[in-house]
Amino acid sequence: GSMLDDKDNSVKIQALNTLKAFSG
């Protein structure tokens, strides 16, 4: 979740995908 504060949008996008995977 801390990666959502990254300056790079690609990192934010991958962090969102990872959180979705864990939400399962």
PDBML (XML) file of the C-alpha atoms, coordinates in Angstrom:
<?xml version="1.0" encoding="UTF-8" ?>
<PDBx:datablock datablockName="MODEL"
   xmlns:PDBx="http://pdbml.pdb.org/schema/pdbx-v50.xsd"
   xmlns:xsi="http://www.w3.org/2001/XMLSchema-instance"
   xsi:schemaLocation="http://pdbml.pdb.org/schema/pdbx-v50.xsd pdbx-v50.xsd">
   <PDBx:atom_siteCategory>
      <PDBx:atom_site id="1">
         <PDBx:B_iso_or_equiv>0.00</PDBx:B_iso_or_equiv>
         <PDBx:Cartn_x>0.000</PDBx:Cartn_x>
         <PDBx:Cartn_y>0.000</PDBx:Cartn_y>
         <PDBx:Cartn_z>0.000</PDBx:Cartn_z>
         <PDBx:auth_asym_id>A</PDBx:auth_asym_id>
         <PDBx:auth_atom_id>CA</PDBx:auth_atom_id>
         <PDBx:auth_comp_id>GLY</PDBx:auth_comp_id>
         <PDBx:auth_seq_id>1</PDBx:auth_seq_id>
         <PDBx:group_PDB>ATOM</PDBx:group_PDB>
         <PDBx:label_alt_id xsi:nil="true" />
         <PDBx:label_asym_id>A</PDBx:label_asym_id>
         <PDBx:label_atom_id>CA</PDBx:label_atom_id>
         <PDBx:label_comp_id>GLY</PDBx:label_comp_id>
         <PDBx:label_entity_id>1</PDBx:label_entity_id>
         <PDBx:label_seq_id>1</PDBx:label_seq_id>
         <PDBx:occupancy>1.00</PDBx:occupancy>
         <PDBx:pdbx_PDB_model_num>1</PDBx:pdbx_PDB_model_num>
         <PDBx:type_symbol>C</PDBx:type_symbol>
      </PDBx:atom_site>
      <PDBx:atom_site id="2">
         <PDBx:B_iso_or_equiv>0.00</PDBx:B_iso_or_equiv>
         <PDBx:Cartn_x>2.877</PDBx:Cartn_x>
         <PDBx:Cartn_y>2.388</PDBx:Cartn_y>
         <PDBx:Cartn_z>0.642</PDBx:Cartn_z>
         <PDBx:auth_asym_id>A</PDBx:auth_asym_id>
         <PDBx:auth_atom_id>CA</PDBx:auth_atom_id>
         <PDBx:auth_comp_id>SER</PDBx:auth_comp_id>
         <PDBx:auth_seq_id>2</PDBx:auth_seq_id>
         <PDBx:group_PDB>ATOM</PDBx:group_PDB>
         <PDBx:label_alt_id xsi:nil="true" />
         <PDBx:label_asym_id>A</PDBx:label_asym_id>
         <PDBx:label_atom_id>CA</PDBx:label_atom_id>
         <PDBx:label_comp_id>SER</PDBx:label_comp_id>
         <PDBx:label_entity_id>1</PDBx:label_entity_id>
         <PDBx:label_seq_id>2</PDBx:label_seq_id>
         <PDBx:occupancy>1.00</PDBx:occupancy>
         <PDBx:pdbx_PDB_model_num>1</PDBx:pdbx_PDB_model_num>
         <PDBx:type_symbol>C</PDBx:type_symbol>
      </PDBx:atom_site>
      <PDBx:atom_site id="3">
         <PDBx:B_iso_or_equiv>0.00</PDBx:B_iso_or_equiv>
         <PDBx:Cartn_x>3.762</PDBx:Cartn_x>
         <PDBx:Cartn_y>2.089</PDBx:Cartn_y>
         <PDBx:Cartn_z>-3.050</PDBx:Cartn_z>
         <PDBx:auth_asym_id>A</PDBx:auth_asym_id>
         <PDBx:auth_atom_id>CA</PDBx:auth_atom_id>
         <PDBx:auth_comp_id>MET</PDBx:auth_comp_id>
         <PDBx:auth_seq_id>3</PDBx:auth_seq_id>
         <PDBx:group_PDB>ATOM</PDBx:group_PDB>
         <PDBx:label_alt_id xsi:nil="true" />
         <PDBx:label_asym_id>A</PDBx:label_asym_id>
         <PDBx:label_atom_id>CA</PDBx:label_atom_id>
         <PDBx:label_comp_id>MET</PDBx:label_comp_id>
         <PDBx:label_entity_id>1</PDBx:label_entity_id>
         <PDBx:label_seq_id>3</PDBx:label_seq_id>
         <PDBx:occupancy>1.00</PDBx:occupancy>
         <PDBx:pdbx_PDB_model_num>1</PDBx:pdbx_PDB_model_num>
         <PDBx:type_symbol>C</PDBx:type_symbol>
      </PDBx:atom_site>
      <PDBx:atom_site id="4">
         <PDBx:B_iso_or_equiv>0.00</PDBx:B_iso_or_equiv>
         <PDBx:Cartn_x>0.602</PDBx:Cartn_x>
         <PDBx:Cartn_y>4.079</PDBx:Cartn_y>
         <PDBx:Cartn_z>-3.836</PDBx:Cartn_z>
         <PDBx:auth_asym_id>A</PDBx:auth_asym_id>
         <PDBx:auth_atom_id>CA</PDBx:auth_atom_id>
         <PDBx:auth_comp_id>LEU</PDBx:auth_comp_id>
         <PDBx:auth_seq_id>4</PDBx:auth_seq_id>
         <PDBx:group_PDB>ATOM</PDBx:group_PDB>
         <PDBx:label_alt_id xsi:nil="true" />
         <PDBx:label_asym_id>A</PDBx:label_asym_id>
         <PDBx:label_atom_id>CA</PDBx:label_atom_id>
         <PDBx:label_comp_id>LEU</PDBx:label_comp_id>
         <PDBx:label_entity_id>1</PDBx:label_entity_id>
         <PDBx:label_seq_id>4</PDBx:label_seq_id>
         <PDBx:occupancy>1.00</PDBx:occupancy>
         <PDBx:pdbx_PDB_model_num>1</PDBx:pdbx_PDB_model_num>
         <PDBx:type_symbol>C</PDBx:type_symbol>
      </PDBx:atom_site>
      <PDBx:atom_site id="5">
         <PDBx:B_iso_or_equiv>0.00</PDBx:B_iso_or_equiv>
         <PDBx:Cartn_x>2.576</PDBx:Cartn_x>
         <PDBx:Cartn_y>7.152</PDBx:Cartn_y>
         <PDBx:Cartn_z>-2.755</PDBx:Cartn_z>
         <PDBx:auth_asym_id>A</PDBx:auth_asym_id>
         <PDBx:auth_atom_id>CA</PDBx:auth_atom_id>
         <PDBx:auth_comp_id>ASP</PDBx:auth_comp_id>
         <PDBx:auth_seq_id>5</PDBx:auth_seq_id>
         <PDBx:group_PDB>ATOM</PDBx:group_PDB>
         <PDBx:label_alt_id xsi:nil="true" />
         <PDBx:label_asym_id>A</PDBx:label_asym_id>
         <PDBx:label_atom_id>CA</PDBx:label_atom_id>
         <PDBx:label_comp_id>ASP</PDBx:label_comp_id>
         <PDBx:label_entity_id>1</PDBx:label_entity_id>
         <PDBx:label_seq_id>5</PDBx:label_seq_id>
         <PDBx:occupancy>1.00</PDBx:occupancy>
         <PDBx:pdbx_PDB_model_num>1</PDBx:pdbx_PDB_model_num>
         <PDBx:type_symbol>C</PDBx:type_symbol>
      </PDBx:atom_site>
      <PDBx:atom_site id="6">
         <PDBx:B_iso_or_equiv>0.00</PDBx:B_iso_or_equiv>
         <PDBx:Cartn_x>5.279</PDBx:Cartn_x>
         <PDBx:Cartn_y>6.521</PDBx:Cartn_y>
         <PDBx:Cartn_z>-5.345</PDBx:Cartn_z>
         <PDBx:auth_asym_id>A</PDBx:auth_asym_id>
         <PDBx:auth_atom_id>CA</PDBx:auth_atom_id>
         <PDBx:auth_comp_id>ASP</PDBx:auth_comp_id>
         <PDBx:auth_seq_id>6</PDBx:auth_seq_id>
         <PDBx:group_PDB>ATOM</PDBx:group_PDB>
         <PDBx:label_alt_id xsi:nil="true" />
         <PDBx:label_asym_id>A</PDBx:label_asym_id>
         <PDBx:label_atom_id>CA</PDBx:label_atom_id>
         <PDBx:label_comp_id>ASP</PDBx:label_comp_id>
         <PDBx:label_entity_id>1</PDBx:label_entity_id>
         <PDBx:label_seq_id>6</PDBx:label_seq_id>
         <PDBx:occupancy>1.00</PDBx:occupancy>
         <PDBx:pdbx_PDB_model_num>1</PDBx:pdbx_PDB_model_num>
         <PDBx:type_symbol>C</PDBx:type_symbol>
      </PDBx:atom_site>
      <PDBx:atom_site id="7">
         <PDBx:B_iso_or_equiv>0.00</PDBx:B_iso_or_equiv>
         <PDBx:Cartn_x>5.978</PDBx:Cartn_x>
         <PDBx:Cartn_y>9.340</PDBx:Cartn_y>
         <PDBx:Cartn_z>-7.769</PDBx:Cartn_z>
         <PDBx:auth_asym_id>A</PDBx:auth_asym_id>
         <PDBx:auth_atom_id>CA</PDBx:auth_atom_id>
         <PDBx:auth_comp_id>LYS</PDBx:auth_comp_id>
         <PDBx:auth_seq_id>7</PDBx:auth_seq_id>
         <PDBx:group_PDB>ATOM</PDBx:group_PDB>
         <PDBx:label_alt_id xsi:nil="true" />
         <PDBx:label_asym_id>A</PDBx:label_asym_id>
         <PDBx:label_atom_id>CA</PDBx:label_atom_id>
         <PDBx:label_comp_id>LYS</PDBx:label_comp_id>
         <PDBx:label_entity_id>1</PDBx:label_entity_id>
         <PDBx:label_seq_id>7</PDBx:label_seq_id>
         <PDBx:occupancy>1.00</PDBx:occupancy>
         <PDBx:pdbx_PDB_model_num>1</PDBx:pdbx_PDB_model_num>
         <PDBx:type_symbol>C</PDBx:type_symbol>
      </PDBx:atom_site>
      <PDBx:atom_site id="8">
         <PDBx:B_iso_or_equiv>0.00</PDBx:B_iso_or_equiv>
         <PDBx:Cartn_x>5.830</PDBx:Cartn_x>
         <PDBx:Cartn_y>7.041</PDBx:Cartn_y>
         <PDBx:Cartn_z>-10.785</PDBx:Cartn_z>
         <PDBx:auth_asym_id>A</PDBx:auth_asym_id>
         <PDBx:auth_atom_id>CA</PDBx:auth_atom_id>
         <PDBx:auth_comp_id>ASP</PDBx:auth_comp_id>
         <PDBx:auth_seq_id>8</PDBx:auth_seq_id>
         <PDBx:group_PDB>ATOM</PDBx:group_PDB>
         <PDBx:label_alt_id xsi:nil="true" />
         <PDBx:label_asym_id>A</PDBx:label_asym_id>
         <PDBx:label_atom_id>CA</PDBx:label_atom_id>
         <PDBx:label_comp_id>ASP</PDBx:label_comp_id>
         <PDBx:label_entity_id>1</PDBx:label_entity_id>
         <PDBx:label_seq_id>8</PDBx:label_seq_id>
         <PDBx:occupancy>1.00</PDBx:occupancy>
         <PDBx:pdbx_PDB_model_num>1</PDBx:pdbx_PDB_model_num>
         <PDBx:type_symbol>C</PDBx:type_symbol>
      </PDBx:atom_site>
      <PDBx:atom_site id="9">
         <PDBx:B_iso_or_equiv>0.00</PDBx:B_iso_or_equiv>
         <PDBx:Cartn_x>2.367</PDBx:Cartn_x>
         <PDBx:Cartn_y>6.185</PDBx:Cartn_y>
         <PDBx:Cartn_z>-12.113</PDBx:Cartn_z>
         <PDBx:auth_asym_id>A</PDBx:auth_asym_id>
         <PDBx:auth_atom_id>CA</PDBx:auth_atom_id>
         <PDBx:auth_comp_id>ASN</PDBx:auth_comp_id>
         <PDBx:auth_seq_id>9</PDBx:auth_seq_id>
         <PDBx:group_PDB>ATOM</PDBx:group_PDB>
         <PDBx:label_alt_id xsi:nil="true" />
         <PDBx:label_asym_id>A</PDBx:label_asym_id>
         <PDBx:label_atom_id>CA</PDBx:label_atom_id>
         <PDBx:label_comp_id>ASN</PDBx:label_comp_id>
         <PDBx:label_entity_id>1</PDBx:label_entity_id>
         <PDBx:label_seq_id>9</PDBx:label_seq_id>
         <PDBx:occupancy>1.00</PDBx:occupancy>
         <PDBx:pdbx_PDB_model_num>1</PDBx:pdbx_PDB_model_num>
         <PDBx:type_symbol>C</PDBx:type_symbol>
      </PDBx:atom_site>
      <PDBx:atom_site id="10">
         <PDBx:B_iso_or_equiv>0.00</PDBx:B_iso_or_equiv>
         <PDBx:Cartn_x>3.446</PDBx:Cartn_x>
         <PDBx:Cartn_y>2.739</PDBx:Cartn_y>
         <PDBx:Cartn_z>-13.334</PDBx:Cartn_z>
         <PDBx:auth_asym_id>A</PDBx:auth_asym_id>
         <PDBx:auth_atom_id>CA</PDBx:auth_atom_id>
         <PDBx:auth_comp_id>SER</PDBx:auth_comp_id>
         <PDBx:auth_seq_id>10</PDBx:auth_seq_id>
         <PDBx:group_PDB>ATOM</PDBx:group_PDB>
         <PDBx:label_alt_id xsi:nil="true" />
         <PDBx:label_asym_id>A</PDBx:label_asym_id>
         <PDBx:label_atom_id>CA</PDBx:label_atom_id>
         <PDBx:label_comp_id>SER</PDBx:label_comp_id>
         <PDBx:label_entity_id>1</PDBx:label_entity_id>
         <PDBx:label_seq_id>10</PDBx:label_seq_id>
         <PDBx:occupancy>1.00</PDBx:occupancy>
         <PDBx:pdbx_PDB_model_num>1</PDBx:pdbx_PDB_model_num>
         <PDBx:type_symbol>C</PDBx:type_symbol>
      </PDBx:atom_site>
      <PDBx:atom_site id="11">
         <PDBx:B_iso_or_equiv>0.00</PDBx:B_iso_or_equiv>
         <PDBx:Cartn_x>4.431</PDBx:Cartn_x>
         <PDBx:Cartn_y>1.827</PDBx:Cartn_y>
         <PDBx:Cartn_z>-9.770</PDBx:Cartn_z>
         <PDBx:auth_asym_id>A</PDBx:auth_asym_id>
         <PDBx:auth_atom_id>CA</PDBx:auth_atom_id>
         <PDBx:auth_comp_id>VAL</PDBx:auth_comp_id>
         <PDBx:auth_seq_id>11</PDBx:auth_seq_id>
         <PDBx:group_PDB>ATOM</PDBx:group_PDB>
         <PDBx:label_alt_id xsi:nil="true" />
         <PDBx:label_asym_id>A</PDBx:label_asym_id>
         <PDBx:label_atom_id>CA</PDBx:label_atom_id>
         <PDBx:label_comp_id>VAL</PDBx:label_comp_id>
         <PDBx:label_entity_id>1</PDBx:label_entity_id>
         <PDBx:label_seq_id>11</PDBx:label_seq_id>
         <PDBx:occupancy>1.00</PDBx:occupancy>
         <PDBx:pdbx_PDB_model_num>1</PDBx:pdbx_PDB_model_num>
         <PDBx:type_symbol>C</PDBx:type_symbol>
      </PDBx:atom_site>
      <PDBx:atom_site id="12">
         <PDBx:B_iso_or_equiv>0.00</PDBx:B_iso_or_equiv>
         <PDBx:Cartn_x>1.054</PDBx:Cartn_x>
         <PDBx:Cartn_y>3.048</PDBx:Cartn_y>
         <PDBx:Cartn_z>-8.502</PDBx:Cartn_z>
         <PDBx:auth_asym_id>A</PDBx:auth_asym_id>
         <PDBx:auth_atom_id>CA</PDBx:auth_atom_id>
         <PDBx:auth_comp_id>LYS</PDBx:auth_comp_id>
         <PDBx:auth_seq_id>12</PDBx:auth_seq_id>
         <PDBx:group_PDB>ATOM</PDBx:group_PDB>
         <PDBx:label_alt_id xsi:nil="true" />
         <PDBx:label_asym_id>A</PDBx:label_asym_id>
         <PDBx:label_atom_id>CA</PDBx:label_atom_id>
         <PDBx:label_comp_id>LYS</PDBx:label_comp_id>
         <PDBx:label_entity_id>1</PDBx:label_entity_id>
         <PDBx:label_seq_id>12</PDBx:label_seq_id>
         <PDBx:occupancy>1.00</PDBx:occupancy>
         <PDBx:pdbx_PDB_model_num>1</PDBx:pdbx_PDB_model_num>
         <PDBx:type_symbol>C</PDBx:type_symbol>
      </PDBx:atom_site>
      <PDBx:atom_site id="13">
         <PDBx:B_iso_or_equiv>0.00</PDBx:B_iso_or_equiv>
         <PDBx:Cartn_x>-0.753</PDBx:Cartn_x>
         <PDBx:Cartn_y>0.952</PDBx:Cartn_y>
         <PDBx:Cartn_z>-11.116</PDBx:Cartn_z>
         <PDBx:auth_asym_id>A</PDBx:auth_asym_id>
         <PDBx:auth_atom_id>CA</PDBx:auth_atom_id>
         <PDBx:auth_comp_id>ILE</PDBx:auth_comp_id>
         <PDBx:auth_seq_id>13</PDBx:auth_seq_id>
         <PDBx:group_PDB>ATOM</PDBx:group_PDB>
         <PDBx:label_alt_id xsi:nil="true" />
         <PDBx:label_asym_id>A</PDBx:label_asym_id>
         <PDBx:label_atom_id>CA</PDBx:label_atom_id>
         <PDBx:label_comp_id>ILE</PDBx:label_comp_id>
         <PDBx:label_entity_id>1</PDBx:label_entity_id>
         <PDBx:label_seq_id>13</PDBx:label_seq_id>
         <PDBx:occupancy>1.00</PDBx:occupancy>
         <PDBx:pdbx_PDB_model_num>1</PDBx:pdbx_PDB_model_num>
         <PDBx:type_symbol>C</PDBx:type_symbol>
      </PDBx:atom_site>
      <PDBx:atom_site id="14">
         <PDBx:B_iso_or_equiv>0.00</PDBx:B_iso_or_equiv>
         <PDBx:Cartn_x>1.167</PDBx:Cartn_x>
         <PDBx:Cartn_y>-2.205</PDBx:Cartn_y>
         <PDBx:Cartn_z>-10.228</PDBx:Cartn_z>
         <PDBx:auth_asym_id>A</PDBx:auth_asym_id>
         <PDBx:auth_atom_id>CA</PDBx:auth_atom_id>
         <PDBx:auth_comp_id>GLN</PDBx:auth_comp_id>
         <PDBx:auth_seq_id>14</PDBx:auth_seq_id>
         <PDBx:group_PDB>ATOM</PDBx:group_PDB>
         <PDBx:label_alt_id xsi:nil="true" />
         <PDBx:label_asym_id>A</PDBx:label_asym_id>
         <PDBx:label_atom_id>CA</PDBx:label_atom_id>
         <PDBx:label_comp_id>GLN</PDBx:label_comp_id>
         <PDBx:label_entity_id>1</PDBx:label_entity_id>
         <PDBx:label_seq_id>14</PDBx:label_seq_id>
         <PDBx:occupancy>1.00</PDBx:occupancy>
         <PDBx:pdbx_PDB_model_num>1</PDBx:pdbx_PDB_model_num>
         <PDBx:type_symbol>C</PDBx:type_symbol>
      </PDBx:atom_site>
      <PDBx:atom_site id="15">
         <PDBx:B_iso_or_equiv>0.00</PDBx:B_iso_or_equiv>
         <PDBx:Cartn_x>0.564</PDBx:Cartn_x>
         <PDBx:Cartn_y>-1.578</PDBx:Cartn_y>
         <PDBx:Cartn_z>-6.516</PDBx:Cartn_z>
         <PDBx:auth_asym_id>A</PDBx:auth_asym_id>
         <PDBx:auth_atom_id>CA</PDBx:auth_atom_id>
         <PDBx:auth_comp_id>ALA</PDBx:auth_comp_id>
         <PDBx:auth_seq_id>15</PDBx:auth_seq_id>
         <PDBx:group_PDB>ATOM</PDBx:group_PDB>
         <PDBx:label_alt_id xsi:nil="true" />
         <PDBx:label_asym_id>A</PDBx:label_asym_id>
         <PDBx:label_atom_id>CA</PDBx:label_atom_id>
         <PDBx:label_comp_id>ALA</PDBx:label_comp_id>
         <PDBx:label_entity_id>1</PDBx:label_entity_id>
         <PDBx:label_seq_id>15</PDBx:label_seq_id>
         <PDBx:occupancy>1.00</PDBx:occupancy>
         <PDBx:pdbx_PDB_model_num>1</PDBx:pdbx_PDB_model_num>
         <PDBx:type_symbol>C</PDBx:type_symbol>
      </PDBx:atom_site>
      <PDBx:atom_site id="16">
         <PDBx:B_iso_or_equiv>0.00</PDBx:B_iso_or_equiv>
         <PDBx:Cartn_x>-3.183</PDBx:Cartn_x>
         <PDBx:Cartn_y>-1.324</PDBx:Cartn_y>
         <PDBx:Cartn_z>-7.194</PDBx:Cartn_z>
         <PDBx:auth_asym_id>A</PDBx:auth_asym_id>
         <PDBx:auth_atom_id>CA</PDBx:auth_atom_id>
         <PDBx:auth_comp_id>LEU</PDBx:auth_comp_id>
         <PDBx:auth_seq_id>16</PDBx:auth_seq_id>
         <PDBx:group_PDB>ATOM</PDBx:group_PDB>
         <PDBx:label_alt_id xsi:nil="true" />
         <PDBx:label_asym_id>A</PDBx:label_asym_id>
         <PDBx:label_atom_id>CA</PDBx:label_atom_id>
         <PDBx:label_comp_id>LEU</PDBx:label_comp_id>
         <PDBx:label_entity_id>1</PDBx:label_entity_id>
         <PDBx:label_seq_id>16</PDBx:label_seq_id>
         <PDBx:occupancy>1.00</PDBx:occupancy>
         <PDBx:pdbx_PDB_model_num>1</PDBx:pdbx_PDB_model_num>
         <PDBx:type_symbol>C</PDBx:type_symbol>
      </PDBx:atom_site>
      <PDBx:atom_site id="17">
         <PDBx:B_iso_or_equiv>0.00</PDBx:B_iso_or_equiv>
         <PDBx:Cartn_x>-3.077</PDBx:Cartn_x>
         <PDBx:Cartn_y>-4.623</PDBx:Cartn_y>
         <PDBx:Cartn_z>-9.082</PDBx:Cartn_z>
         <PDBx:auth_asym_id>A</PDBx:auth_asym_id>
         <PDBx:auth_atom_id>CA</PDBx:auth_atom_id>
         <PDBx:auth_comp_id>ASN</PDBx:auth_comp_id>
         <PDBx:auth_seq_id>17</PDBx:auth_seq_id>
         <PDBx:group_PDB>ATOM</PDBx:group_PDB>
         <PDBx:label_alt_id xsi:nil="true" />
         <PDBx:label_asym_id>A</PDBx:label_asym_id>
         <PDBx:label_atom_id>CA</PDBx:label_atom_id>
         <PDBx:label_comp_id>ASN</PDBx:label_comp_id>
         <PDBx:label_entity_id>1</PDBx:label_entity_id>
         <PDBx:label_seq_id>17</PDBx:label_seq_id>
         <PDBx:occupancy>1.00</PDBx:occupancy>
         <PDBx:pdbx_PDB_model_num>1</PDBx:pdbx_PDB_model_num>
         <PDBx:type_symbol>C</PDBx:type_symbol>
      </PDBx:atom_site>
      <PDBx:atom_site id="18">
         <PDBx:B_iso_or_equiv>0.00</PDBx:B_iso_or_equiv>
         <PDBx:Cartn_x>-1.197</PDBx:Cartn_x>
         <PDBx:Cartn_y>-6.263</PDBx:Cartn_y>
         <PDBx:Cartn_z>-6.221</PDBx:Cartn_z>
         <PDBx:auth_asym_id>A</PDBx:auth_asym_id>
         <PDBx:auth_atom_id>CA</PDBx:auth_atom_id>
         <PDBx:auth_comp_id>THR</PDBx:auth_comp_id>
         <PDBx:auth_seq_id>18</PDBx:auth_seq_id>
         <PDBx:group_PDB>ATOM</PDBx:group_PDB>
         <PDBx:label_alt_id xsi:nil="true" />
         <PDBx:label_asym_id>A</PDBx:label_asym_id>
         <PDBx:label_atom_id>CA</PDBx:label_atom_id>
         <PDBx:label_comp_id>THR</PDBx:label_comp_id>
         <PDBx:label_entity_id>1</PDBx:label_entity_id>
         <PDBx:label_seq_id>18</PDBx:label_seq_id>
         <PDBx:occupancy>1.00</PDBx:occupancy>
         <PDBx:pdbx_PDB_model_num>1</PDBx:pdbx_PDB_model_num>
         <PDBx:type_symbol>C</PDBx:type_symbol>
      </PDBx:atom_site>
      <PDBx:atom_site id="19">
         <PDBx:B_iso_or_equiv>0.00</PDBx:B_iso_or_equiv>
         <PDBx:Cartn_x>-3.698</PDBx:Cartn_x>
         <PDBx:Cartn_y>-5.005</PDBx:Cartn_y>
         <PDBx:Cartn_z>-3.645</PDBx:Cartn_z>
         <PDBx:auth_asym_id>A</PDBx:auth_asym_id>
         <PDBx:auth_atom_id>CA</PDBx:auth_atom_id>
         <PDBx:auth_comp_id>LEU</PDBx:auth_comp_id>
         <PDBx:auth_seq_id>19</PDBx:auth_seq_id>
         <PDBx:group_PDB>ATOM</PDBx:group_PDB>
         <PDBx:label_alt_id xsi:nil="true" />
         <PDBx:label_asym_id>A</PDBx:label_asym_id>
         <PDBx:label_atom_id>CA</PDBx:label_atom_id>
         <PDBx:label_comp_id>LEU</PDBx:label_comp_id>
         <PDBx:label_entity_id>1</PDBx:label_entity_id>
         <PDBx:label_seq_id>19</PDBx:label_seq_id>
         <PDBx:occupancy>1.00</PDBx:occupancy>
         <PDBx:pdbx_PDB_model_num>1</PDBx:pdbx_PDB_model_num>
         <PDBx:type_symbol>C</PDBx:type_symbol>
      </PDBx:atom_site>
      <PDBx:atom_site id="20">
         <PDBx:B_iso_or_equiv>0.00</PDBx:B_iso_or_equiv>
         <PDBx:Cartn_x>-6.521</PDBx:Cartn_x>
         <PDBx:Cartn_y>-6.387</PDBx:Cartn_y>
         <PDBx:Cartn_z>-5.771</PDBx:Cartn_z>
         <PDBx:auth_asym_id>A</PDBx:auth_asym_id>
         <PDBx:auth_atom_id>CA</PDBx:auth_atom_id>
         <PDBx:auth_comp_id>LYS</PDBx:auth_comp_id>
         <PDBx:auth_seq_id>20</PDBx:auth_seq_id>
         <PDBx:group_PDB>ATOM</PDBx:group_PDB>
         <PDBx:label_alt_id xsi:nil="true" />
         <PDBx:label_asym_id>A</PDBx:label_asym_id>
         <PDBx:label_atom_id>CA</PDBx:label_atom_id>
         <PDBx:label_comp_id>LYS</PDBx:label_comp_id>
         <PDBx:label_entity_id>1</PDBx:label_entity_id>
         <PDBx:label_seq_id>20</PDBx:label_seq_id>
         <PDBx:occupancy>1.00</PDBx:occupancy>
         <PDBx:pdbx_PDB_model_num>1</PDBx:pdbx_PDB_model_num>
         <PDBx:type_symbol>C</PDBx:type_symbol>
      </PDBx:atom_site>
      <PDBx:atom_site id="21">
         <PDBx:B_iso_or_equiv>0.00</PDBx:B_iso_or_equiv>
         <PDBx:Cartn_x>-4.784</PDBx:Cartn_x>
         <PDBx:Cartn_y>-9.767</PDBx:Cartn_y>
         <PDBx:Cartn_z>-5.800</PDBx:Cartn_z>
         <PDBx:auth_asym_id>A</PDBx:auth_asym_id>
         <PDBx:auth_atom_id>CA</PDBx:auth_atom_id>
         <PDBx:auth_comp_id>ALA</PDBx:auth_comp_id>
         <PDBx:auth_seq_id>21</PDBx:auth_seq_id>
         <PDBx:group_PDB>ATOM</PDBx:group_PDB>
         <PDBx:label_alt_id xsi:nil="true" />
         <PDBx:label_asym_id>A</PDBx:label_asym_id>
         <PDBx:label_atom_id>CA</PDBx:label_atom_id>
         <PDBx:label_comp_id>ALA</PDBx:label_comp_id>
         <PDBx:label_entity_id>1</PDBx:label_entity_id>
         <PDBx:label_seq_id>21</PDBx:label_seq_id>
         <PDBx:occupancy>1.00</PDBx:occupancy>
         <PDBx:pdbx_PDB_model_num>1</PDBx:pdbx_PDB_model_num>
         <PDBx:type_symbol>C</PDBx:type_symbol>
      </PDBx:atom_site>
      <PDBx:atom_site id="22">
         <PDBx:B_iso_or_equiv>0.00</PDBx:B_iso_or_equiv>
         <PDBx:Cartn_x>-4.456</PDBx:Cartn_x>
         <PDBx:Cartn_y>-9.724</PDBx:Cartn_y>
         <PDBx:Cartn_z>-1.998</PDBx:Cartn_z>
         <PDBx:auth_asym_id>A</PDBx:auth_asym_id>
         <PDBx:auth_atom_id>CA</PDBx:auth_atom_id>
         <PDBx:auth_comp_id>PHE</PDBx:auth_comp_id>
         <PDBx:auth_seq_id>22</PDBx:auth_seq_id>
         <PDBx:group_PDB>ATOM</PDBx:group_PDB>
         <PDBx:label_alt_id xsi:nil="true" />
         <PDBx:label_asym_id>A</PDBx:label_asym_id>
         <PDBx:label_atom_id>CA</PDBx:label_atom_id>
         <PDBx:label_comp_id>PHE</PDBx:label_comp_id>
         <PDBx:label_entity_id>1</PDBx:label_entity_id>
         <PDBx:label_seq_id>22</PDBx:label_seq_id>
         <PDBx:occupancy>1.00</PDBx:occupancy>
         <PDBx:pdbx_PDB_model_num>1</PDBx:pdbx_PDB_model_num>
         <PDBx:type_symbol>C</PDBx:type_symbol>
      </PDBx:atom_site>
      <PDBx:atom_site id="23">
         <PDBx:B_iso_or_equiv>0.00</PDBx:B_iso_or_equiv>
         <PDBx:Cartn_x>-8.095</PDBx:Cartn_x>
         <PDBx:Cartn_y>-8.629</PDBx:Cartn_y>
         <PDBx:Cartn_z>-1.629</PDBx:Cartn_z>
         <PDBx:auth_asym_id>A</PDBx:auth_asym_id>
         <PDBx:auth_atom_id>CA</PDBx:auth_atom_id>
         <PDBx:auth_comp_id>SER</PDBx:auth_comp_id>
         <PDBx:auth_seq_id>23</PDBx:auth_seq_id>
         <PDBx:group_PDB>ATOM</PDBx:group_PDB>
         <PDBx:label_alt_id xsi:nil="true" />
         <PDBx:label_asym_id>A</PDBx:label_asym_id>
         <PDBx:label_atom_id>CA</PDBx:label_atom_id>
         <PDBx:label_comp_id>SER</PDBx:label_comp_id>
         <PDBx:label_entity_id>1</PDBx:label_entity_id>
         <PDBx:label_seq_id>23</PDBx:label_seq_id>
         <PDBx:occupancy>1.00</PDBx:occupancy>
         <PDBx:pdbx_PDB_model_num>1</PDBx:pdbx_PDB_model_num>
         <PDBx:type_symbol>C</PDBx:type_symbol>
      </PDBx:atom_site>
      <PDBx:atom_site id="24">
         <PDBx:B_iso_or_equiv>0.00</PDBx:B_iso_or_equiv>
         <PDBx:Cartn_x>-9.100</PDBx:Cartn_x>
         <PDBx:Cartn_y>-12.061</PDBx:Cartn_y>
         <PDBx:Cartn_z>-2.896</PDBx:Cartn_z>
         <PDBx:auth_asym_id>A</PDBx:auth_asym_id>
         <PDBx:auth_atom_id>CA</PDBx:auth_atom_id>
         <PDBx:auth_comp_id>GLY</PDBx:auth_comp_id>
         <PDBx:auth_seq_id>24</PDBx:auth_seq_id>
         <PDBx:group_PDB>ATOM</PDBx:group_PDB>
         <PDBx:label_alt_id xsi:nil="true" />
         <PDBx:label_asym_id>A</PDBx:label_asym_id>
         <PDBx:label_atom_id>CA</PDBx:label_atom_id>
         <PDBx:label_comp_id>GLY</PDBx:label_comp_id>
         <PDBx:label_entity_id>1</PDBx:label_entity_id>
         <PDBx:label_seq_id>24</PDBx:label_seq_id>
         <PDBx:occupancy>1.00</PDBx:occupancy>
         <PDBx:pdbx_PDB_model_num>1</PDBx:pdbx_PDB_model_num>
         <PDBx:type_symbol>C</PDBx:type_symbol>
      </PDBx:atom_site>
   </PDBx:atom_siteCategory>
</PDBx:datablock>
